Amino acid sequence: MKFNYVIGFIGFILLQWSCSNSISYSEEFMNKTAGKYLYNADNLMHVYYKDGVLFLRWKGGEIKPVALSENEFFVPDMYQKLQFVTHPETGKQYISILPESGEGKITYDYLKVPDDFKTPSMHLRARNYEEALEGYLAIKEKDSLSPFINQWEINKLGYEYLRSQNYDDAISVFELNAALHPESLNVFDSLAEAYLKKGDSLNAYKNFKKAYASNNRNKKALRYLEVYESQQKERPLD
């Protein structure tokens, strides 16, 4: 029974696909619906039209949905049927997921955002570190276990800068990670290493001290603290 349903559904989609190019969108409708939609806390979905045909850009790829009507379309990559809706109270534009049964309340799933909107990771790549941190902290407040605030992924970017000797950006990324994950055993060690590479021994010392305080098995941090403090004792007084 389920097999027959799947075959029937695929047949329906293929039929709609063959007819999708015949749907004519008004200029007003295209202007209203084209733009960026917030797919999740750190990813956007772009809606646009080429020669009057609906397209999506999602997860780095261009998708041509199956147009079911002017306002409804099916996206095979998501296996979802979607529609454009306007919130009756706020007047904001959304993309809504249509239930498989075709029944149920309208949901407001993907909010349309301004064209200049950037997610936290987009700000991070653009080196807008304050804006990136603000966005990541907002994500953390809602979900402290969100995969979008993974400290190892952020640290990876910091080490890319460090390997290319771009010390200021490495420090900025590690500082962001430390602000986002102040209880981590790793972030202050990375920040200290970046300061050390830059030649800032004092800030290297301060952050190795934090790293050792959070993990007293950190031998690298301990060695640096011992050497630095020894050198300070041996330094002649002015």
C-alpha atoms as a PDB file:
ATOM      1  CA  MET A   1       0.000   0.000   0.000  1.00  0.00           C
ATOM      2  CA  LYS A   2       2.786   2.381   0.955  1.00  0.00           C
ATOM      3  CA  PHE A   3       4.649   1.502  -2.248  1.00  0.00           C
ATOM      4  CA  ASN A   4       1.594   2.400  -4.333  1.00  0.00           C
ATOM      5  CA  TYR A   5       1.311   5.708  -2.489  1.00  0.00           C
ATOM      6  CA  VAL A   6       4.943   6.565  -3.206  1.00  0.00           C
ATOM      7  CA  ILE A   7       4.590   5.646  -6.904  1.00  0.00           C
ATOM      8  CA  GLY A   8       1.438   7.717  -7.125  1.00  0.00           C
ATOM      9  CA  PHE A   9       3.072  10.665  -5.424  1.00  0.00           C
ATOM     10  CA  ILE A  10       6.103  10.527  -7.725  1.00  0.00           C
ATOM     11  CA  GLY A  11       3.778  10.391 -10.698  1.00  0.00           C
ATOM     12  CA  PHE A  12       1.930  13.437  -9.387  1.00  0.00           C
ATOM     13  CA  ILE A  13       5.191  15.350  -8.935  1.00  0.00           C
ATOM     14  CA  LEU A  14       6.377  14.462 -12.444  1.00  0.00           C
ATOM     15  CA  LEU A  15       3.072  15.663 -13.869  1.00  0.00           C
ATOM     16  CA  GLN A  16       3.342  18.911 -11.931  1.00  0.00           C
ATOM     17  CA  TRP A  17       6.974  19.273 -13.021  1.00  0.00           C
ATOM     18  CA  SER A  18       5.939  19.085 -16.653  1.00  0.00           C
ATOM     19  CA  CYS A  19       3.408  21.844 -16.025  1.00  0.00           C
ATOM     20  CA  SER A  20       5.511  24.012 -13.718  1.00  0.00           C
ATOM     21  CA  ASN A  21       6.968  26.166 -16.484  1.00  0.00           C
ATOM     22  CA  SER A  22       3.440  27.190 -17.504  1.00  0.00           C
ATOM     23  CA  ILE A  23       2.838  29.073 -14.241  1.00  0.00           C
ATOM     24  CA  SER A  24       2.985  32.809 -14.775  1.00  0.00           C
ATOM     25  CA  TYR A  25       4.069  34.956 -11.830  1.00  0.00           C
ATOM     26  CA  SER A  26       2.996  38.566 -11.645  1.00  0.00           C
ATOM     27  CA  GLU A  27       5.687  41.222 -11.249  1.00  0.00           C
ATOM     28  CA  GLU A  28       4.128  42.225  -7.933  1.00  0.00           C
ATOM     29  CA  PHE A  29       4.224  38.645  -6.652  1.00  0.00           C
ATOM     30  CA  MET A  30       7.858  38.143  -7.676  1.00  0.00           C
ATOM     31  CA  ASN A  31       8.922  41.408  -6.032  1.00  0.00           C
ATOM     32  CA  LYS A  32       7.069  40.470  -2.857  1.00  0.00           C
ATOM     33  CA  THR A  33       8.415  36.932  -2.514  1.00  0.00           C
ATOM     34  CA  ALA A  34      11.973  37.203  -3.866  1.00  0.00           C
ATOM     35  CA  GLY A  35      14.680  37.616  -1.256  1.00  0.00           C
ATOM     36  CA  LYS A  36      16.365  35.951   1.695  1.00  0.00           C
ATOM     37  CA  TYR A  37      14.573  33.702   4.179  1.00  0.00           C
ATOM     38  CA  LEU A  38      15.995  32.508   7.482  1.00  0.00           C
ATOM     39  CA  TYR A  39      16.105  28.727   7.118  1.00  0.00           C
ATOM     40  CA  ASN A  40      17.534  28.211  10.595  1.00  0.00           C
ATOM     41  CA  ALA A  41      19.600  30.144  13.128  1.00  0.00           C
ATOM     42  CA  ASP A  42      22.672  30.290  10.883  1.00  0.00           C
ATOM     43  CA  ASN A  43      21.552  29.526   7.327  1.00  0.00           C
ATOM     44  CA  LEU A  44      19.642  31.421   4.678  1.00  0.00           C
ATOM     45  CA  MET A  45      17.483  30.310   1.795  1.00  0.00           C
ATOM     46  CA  HIS A  46      17.386  32.614  -1.257  1.00  0.00           C
ATOM     47  CA  VAL A  47      14.286  32.884  -3.435  1.00  0.00           C
ATOM     48  CA  TYR A  48      14.689  34.430  -6.882  1.00  0.00           C
ATOM     49  CA  TYR A  49      13.244  34.321 -10.373  1.00  0.00           C
ATOM     50  CA  LYS A  50      15.010  33.879 -13.710  1.00  0.00           C
ATOM     51  CA  ASP A  51      12.969  34.592 -16.824  1.00  0.00           C
ATOM     52  CA  GLY A  52       9.845  34.269 -14.718  1.00  0.00           C
ATOM     53  CA  VAL A  53      10.840  30.845 -13.305  1.00  0.00           C
ATOM     54  CA  LEU A  54      11.146  30.246  -9.539  1.00  0.00           C
ATOM     55  CA  PHE A  55      14.531  29.191  -8.166  1.00  0.00           C
ATOM     56  CA  LEU A  56      16.023  28.642  -4.707  1.00  0.00           C
ATOM     57  CA  ARG A  57      19.599  28.827  -3.545  1.00  0.00           C
ATOM     58  CA  TRP A  58      19.969  26.575  -0.517  1.00  0.00           C
ATOM     59  CA  LYS A  59      23.064  25.081   1.104  1.00  0.00           C
ATOM     60  CA  GLY A  60      25.231  26.411  -1.702  1.00  0.00           C
ATOM     61  CA  GLY A  61      23.261  24.878  -4.569  1.00  0.00           C
ATOM     62  CA  GLU A  62      20.709  26.167  -7.045  1.00  0.00           C
ATOM     63  CA  ILE A  63      17.367  24.371  -6.944  1.00  0.00           C
ATOM     64  CA  LYS A  64      14.462  24.615  -9.357  1.00  0.00           C
ATOM     65  CA  PRO A  65      11.366  23.685  -7.330  1.00  0.00           C
ATOM     66  CA  VAL A  66       8.285  22.070  -8.803  1.00  0.00           C
ATOM     67  CA  ALA A  67       5.794  24.922  -9.079  1.00  0.00           C
ATOM     68  CA  LEU A  68       2.341  23.640  -8.066  1.00  0.00           C
ATOM     69  CA  SER A  69       0.605  27.008  -8.304  1.00  0.00           C
ATOM     70  CA  GLU A  70       1.660  30.640  -8.087  1.00  0.00           C
ATOM     71  CA  ASN A  71       1.865  30.363  -4.309  1.00  0.00           C
ATOM     72  CA  GLU A  72       2.847  26.709  -3.746  1.00  0.00           C
ATOM     73  CA  PHE A  73       5.892  24.694  -4.743  1.00  0.00           C
ATOM     74  CA  PHE A  74       7.580  21.404  -3.953  1.00  0.00           C
ATOM     75  CA  VAL A  75      11.329  21.166  -3.202  1.00  0.00           C
ATOM     76  CA  PRO A  76      12.600  17.610  -3.791  1.00  0.00           C
ATOM     77  CA  ASP A  77      15.900  18.270  -1.972  1.00  0.00           C
ATOM     78  CA  MET A  78      13.925  19.110   1.184  1.00  0.00           C
ATOM     79  CA  TYR A  79      11.069  16.731   0.400  1.00  0.00           C
ATOM     80  CA  GLN A  80       8.719  19.509   1.441  1.00  0.00           C
ATOM     81  CA  LYS A  81       5.798  21.305  -0.110  1.00  0.00           C
ATOM     82  CA  LEU A  82       5.985  25.011   0.667  1.00  0.00           C
ATOM     83  CA  GLN A  83       3.926  28.134   0.248  1.00  0.00           C
ATOM     84  CA  PHE A  84       4.422  31.858   0.639  1.00  0.00           C
ATOM     85  CA  VAL A  85       2.385  33.417   3.450  1.00  0.00           C
ATOM     86  CA  THR A  86       2.028  36.778   5.156  1.00  0.00           C
ATOM     87  CA  HIS A  87       1.573  36.927   8.911  1.00  0.00           C
ATOM     88  CA  PRO A  88      -1.812  38.552   9.580  1.00  0.00           C
ATOM     89  CA  GLU A  89      -0.616  40.470  12.652  1.00  0.00           C
ATOM     90  CA  THR A  90       2.937  41.514  11.784  1.00  0.00           C
ATOM     91  CA  GLY A  91       2.592  41.747   8.009  1.00  0.00           C
ATOM     92  CA  LYS A  92       5.922  39.935   7.674  1.00  0.00           C
ATOM     93  CA  GLN A  93       6.543  37.539   4.807  1.00  0.00           C
ATOM     94  CA  TYR A  94       7.254  33.845   5.489  1.00  0.00           C
ATOM     95  CA  ILE A  95       7.620  30.539   3.720  1.00  0.00           C
ATOM     96  CA  SER A  96       5.323  27.971   5.304  1.00  0.00           C
ATOM     97  CA  ILE A  97       5.679  24.177   5.278  1.00  0.00           C
ATOM     98  CA  LEU A  98       2.497  22.526   4.050  1.00  0.00           C
ATOM     99  CA  PRO A  99       1.560  19.314   5.900  1.00  0.00           C
ATOM    100  CA  GLU A 100       1.474  16.112   3.860  1.00  0.00           C
ATOM    101  CA  SER A 101      -2.203  15.691   4.660  1.00  0.00           C
ATOM    102  CA  GLY A 102      -2.952  19.106   3.236  1.00  0.00           C
ATOM    103  CA  GLU A 103      -4.751  20.005   6.453  1.00  0.00           C
ATOM    104  CA  GLY A 104      -3.706  21.922   9.515  1.00  0.00           C
ATOM    105  CA  LYS A 105      -2.932  25.424  10.685  1.00  0.00           C
ATOM    106  CA  ILE A 106      -0.691  27.706   8.692  1.00  0.00           C
ATOM    107  CA  THR A 107       2.793  27.756  10.152  1.00  0.00           C
ATOM    108  CA  TYR A 108       5.322  30.562   9.816  1.00  0.00           C
ATOM    109  CA  ASP A 109       8.535  28.623   9.340  1.00  0.00           C
ATOM    110  CA  TYR A 110      11.053  30.672   7.357  1.00  0.00           C
ATOM    111  CA  LEU A 111      11.040  34.425   7.942  1.00  0.00           C
ATOM    112  CA  LYS A 112      11.921  36.778   5.107  1.00  0.00           C
ATOM    113  CA  VAL A 113      14.817  38.994   6.185  1.00  0.00           C
ATOM    114  CA  PRO A 114      16.337  42.173   4.689  1.00  0.00           C
ATOM    115  CA  ASP A 115      18.688  41.802   1.742  1.00  0.00           C
ATOM    116  CA  ASP A 116      21.632  42.980   3.866  1.00  0.00           C
ATOM    117  CA  PHE A 117      20.913  40.463   6.644  1.00  0.00           C
ATOM    118  CA  LYS A 118      23.872  38.306   7.681  1.00  0.00           C
ATOM    119  CA  THR A 119      23.913  35.211   9.863  1.00  0.00           C
ATOM    120  CA  PRO A 120      26.571  34.915  12.605  1.00  0.00           C
ATOM    121  CA  SER A 121      28.795  32.719  10.440  1.00  0.00           C
ATOM    122  CA  MET A 122      28.505  35.196   7.565  1.00  0.00           C
ATOM    123  CA  HIS A 123      29.597  37.981   9.902  1.00  0.00           C
ATOM    124  CA  LEU A 124      32.455  35.792  11.089  1.00  0.00           C
ATOM    125  CA  ARG A 125      33.685  35.163   7.543  1.00  0.00           C
ATOM    126  CA  ALA A 126      33.361  38.896   6.823  1.00  0.00           C
ATOM    127  CA  ARG A 127      35.471  39.595   9.944  1.00  0.00           C
ATOM    128  CA  ASN A 128      32.663  41.486  11.638  1.00  0.00           C
ATOM    129  CA  TYR A 129      33.575  39.971  14.979  1.00  0.00           C
ATOM    130  CA  GLU A 130      31.321  41.996  17.270  1.00  0.00           C
ATOM    131  CA  GLU A 131      28.252  41.266  15.134  1.00  0.00           C
ATOM    132  CA  ALA A 132      29.226  37.597  14.874  1.00  0.00           C
ATOM    133  CA  LEU A 133      29.553  37.260  18.651  1.00  0.00           C
ATOM    134  CA  GLU A 134      26.241  39.016  19.209  1.00  0.00           C
ATOM    135  CA  GLY A 135      24.536  36.591  16.843  1.00  0.00           C
ATOM    136  CA  TYR A 136      26.192  33.512  18.331  1.00  0.00           C
ATOM    137  CA  LEU A 137      25.276  34.590  21.874  1.00  0.00           C
ATOM    138  CA  ALA A 138      21.643  34.959  20.767  1.00  0.00           C
ATOM    139  CA  ILE A 139      21.762  31.398  19.406  1.00  0.00           C
ATOM    140  CA  LYS A 140      23.362  30.155  22.633  1.00  0.00           C
ATOM    141  CA  GLU A 141      20.670  31.816  24.729  1.00  0.00           C
ATOM    142  CA  LYS A 142      18.006  29.842  22.881  1.00  0.00           C
ATOM    143  CA  ASP A 143      19.959  26.587  22.598  1.00  0.00           C
ATOM    144  CA  SER A 144      23.242  26.145  24.464  1.00  0.00           C
ATOM    145  CA  LEU A 145      23.879  22.887  22.577  1.00  0.00           C
ATOM    146  CA  SER A 146      23.266  24.306  19.118  1.00  0.00           C
ATOM    147  CA  PRO A 147      25.667  22.920  16.474  1.00  0.00           C
ATOM    148  CA  PHE A 148      26.031  26.466  15.159  1.00  0.00           C
ATOM    149  CA  ILE A 149      28.136  27.464  18.171  1.00  0.00           C
ATOM    150  CA  ASN A 150      30.525  24.523  17.992  1.00  0.00           C
ATOM    151  CA  GLN A 151      33.786  25.727  19.541  1.00  0.00           C
ATOM    152  CA  TRP A 152      35.913  23.355  17.449  1.00  0.00           C
ATOM    153  CA  GLU A 153      34.613  24.741  14.158  1.00  0.00           C
ATOM    154  CA  ILE A 154      35.286  28.296  15.283  1.00  0.00           C
ATOM    155  CA  ASN A 155      38.735  27.302  16.561  1.00  0.00           C
ATOM    156  CA  LYS A 156      39.491  25.739  13.171  1.00  0.00           C
ATOM    157  CA  LEU A 157      39.010  29.135  11.510  1.00  0.00           C
ATOM    158  CA  GLY A 158      41.295  30.747  14.090  1.00  0.00           C
ATOM    159  CA  TYR A 159      44.068  28.265  13.308  1.00  0.00           C
ATOM    160  CA  GLU A 160      43.648  28.891   9.577  1.00  0.00           C
ATOM    161  CA  TYR A 161      44.460  32.538  10.261  1.00  0.00           C
ATOM    162  CA  LEU A 162      47.281  31.526  12.592  1.00  0.00           C
ATOM    163  CA  ARG A 163      48.900  29.279   9.971  1.00  0.00           C
ATOM    164  CA  SER A 164      48.776  32.129   7.455  1.00  0.00           C
ATOM    165  CA  GLN A 165      50.398  34.422  10.058  1.00  0.00           C
ATOM    166  CA  ASN A 166      47.294  36.607  10.184  1.00  0.00           C
ATOM    167  CA  TYR A 167      47.669  37.036  13.922  1.00  0.00           C
ATOM    168  CA  ASP A 168      45.150  39.822  14.522  1.00  0.00           C
ATOM    169  CA  ASP A 169      42.291  37.895  12.913  1.00  0.00           C
ATOM    170  CA  ALA A 170      43.360  34.700  14.690  1.00  0.00           C
ATOM    171  CA  ILE A 171      43.266  36.548  18.006  1.00  0.00           C
ATOM    172  CA  SER A 172      39.845  38.038  17.205  1.00  0.00           C
ATOM    173  CA  VAL A 173      38.408  34.615  16.362  1.00  0.00           C
ATOM    174  CA  PHE A 174      39.877  33.008  19.485  1.00  0.00           C
ATOM    175  CA  GLU A 175      38.621  35.899  21.635  1.00  0.00           C
ATOM    176  CA  LEU A 176      35.139  35.394  20.193  1.00  0.00           C
ATOM    177  CA  ASN A 177      35.358  31.685  20.982  1.00  0.00           C
ATOM    178  CA  ALA A 178      36.531  32.414  24.530  1.00  0.00           C
ATOM    179  CA  ALA A 179      33.620  34.803  25.082  1.00  0.00           C
ATOM    180  CA  LEU A 180      31.221  32.198  23.715  1.00  0.00           C
ATOM    181  CA  HIS A 181      32.748  29.257  25.642  1.00  0.00           C
ATOM    182  CA  PRO A 182      34.375  30.709  28.787  1.00  0.00           C
ATOM    183  CA  GLU A 183      34.271  27.326  30.558  1.00  0.00           C
ATOM    184  CA  SER A 184      36.138  25.496  27.802  1.00  0.00           C
ATOM    185  CA  LEU A 185      39.466  23.803  28.557  1.00  0.00           C
ATOM    186  CA  ASN A 186      40.779  24.720  25.119  1.00  0.00           C
ATOM    187  CA  VAL A 187      39.847  28.229  24.012  1.00  0.00           C
ATOM    188  CA  PHE A 188      42.234  30.198  26.241  1.00  0.00           C
ATOM    189  CA  ASP A 189      45.110  27.940  25.272  1.00  0.00           C
ATOM    190  CA  SER A 190      44.490  28.750  21.597  1.00  0.00           C
ATOM    191  CA  LEU A 191      44.198  32.453  22.349  1.00  0.00           C
ATOM    192  CA  ALA A 192      47.439  32.389  24.329  1.00  0.00           C
ATOM    193  CA  GLU A 193      49.195  30.637  21.465  1.00  0.00           C
ATOM    194  CA  ALA A 194      48.043  33.325  19.017  1.00  0.00           C
ATOM    195  CA  TYR A 195      49.328  36.086  21.289  1.00  0.00           C
ATOM    196  CA  LEU A 196      52.613  34.239  21.659  1.00  0.00           C
ATOM    197  CA  LYS A 197      52.989  33.926  17.877  1.00  0.00           C
ATOM    198  CA  LYS A 198      52.319  37.640  17.570  1.00  0.00           C
ATOM    199  CA  GLY A 199      55.039  38.383  20.119  1.00  0.00           C
ATOM    200  CA  ASP A 200      52.717  39.648  22.868  1.00  0.00           C
ATOM    201  CA  SER A 201      54.177  37.762  25.822  1.00  0.00           C
ATOM    202  CA  LEU A 202      52.062  39.508  28.464  1.00  0.00           C
ATOM    203  CA  ASN A 203      48.717  38.595  26.902  1.00  0.00           C
ATOM    204  CA  ALA A 204      50.071  35.129  26.157  1.00  0.00           C
ATOM    205  CA  TYR A 205      50.853  34.816  29.871  1.00  0.00           C
ATOM    206  CA  LYS A 206      47.396  36.043  30.931  1.00  0.00           C
ATOM    207  CA  ASN A 207      45.637  33.537  28.706  1.00  0.00           C
ATOM    208  CA  PHE A 208      47.925  30.616  29.490  1.00  0.00           C
ATOM    209  CA  LYS A 209      47.134  31.387  33.130  1.00  0.00           C
ATOM    210  CA  LYS A 210      43.408  31.088  32.385  1.00  0.00           C
ATOM    211  CA  ALA A 211      44.054  27.908  30.399  1.00  0.00           C
ATOM    212  CA  TYR A 212      45.976  26.369  33.297  1.00  0.00           C
ATOM    213  CA  ALA A 213      43.343  27.447  35.809  1.00  0.00           C
ATOM    214  CA  SER A 214      40.691  25.549  33.852  1.00  0.00           C
ATOM    215  CA  ASN A 215      42.948  22.531  33.238  1.00  0.00           C
ATOM    216  CA  ASN A 216      45.907  21.974  35.574  1.00  0.00           C
ATOM    217  CA  ARG A 217      47.092  19.104  33.364  1.00  0.00           C
ATOM    218  CA  ASN A 218      47.939  21.555  30.609  1.00  0.00           C
ATOM    219  CA  LYS A 219      51.718  21.104  30.614  1.00  0.00           C
ATOM    220  CA  LYS A 220      52.298  23.593  27.793  1.00  0.00           C
ATOM    221  CA  ALA A 221      50.561  26.314  29.765  1.00  0.00           C
ATOM    222  CA  LEU A 222      52.429  25.410  32.937  1.00  0.00           C
ATOM    223  CA  ARG A 223      55.799  25.519  31.173  1.00  0.00           C
ATOM    224  CA  TYR A 224      55.081  28.944  29.762  1.00  0.00           C
ATOM    225  CA  LEU A 225      53.917  30.281  33.131  1.00  0.00           C
ATOM    226  CA  GLU A 226      57.061  29.021  34.832  1.00  0.00           C
ATOM    227  CA  VAL A 227      59.386  30.487  32.197  1.00  0.00           C
ATOM    228  CA  TYR A 228      57.585  33.815  32.065  1.00  0.00           C
ATOM    229  CA  GLU A 229      57.475  34.223  35.846  1.00  0.00           C
ATOM    230  CA  SER A 230      61.122  33.223  36.134  1.00  0.00           C
ATOM    231  CA  GLN A 231      62.088  35.835  33.562  1.00  0.00           C
ATOM    232  CA  GLN A 232      60.113  38.494  35.396  1.00  0.00           C
ATOM    233  CA  LYS A 233      61.956  37.730  38.644  1.00  0.00           C
ATOM    234  CA  GLU A 234      65.312  37.922  36.919  1.00  0.00           C
ATOM    235  CA  ARG A 235      64.535  41.215  35.175  1.00  0.00           C
ATOM    236  CA  PRO A 236      66.562  44.034  36.788  1.00  0.00           C
ATOM    237  CA  LEU A 237      64.673  46.818  38.497  1.00  0.00           C
ATOM    238  CA  ASP A 238      64.833  50.265  36.861  1.00  0.00           C
END
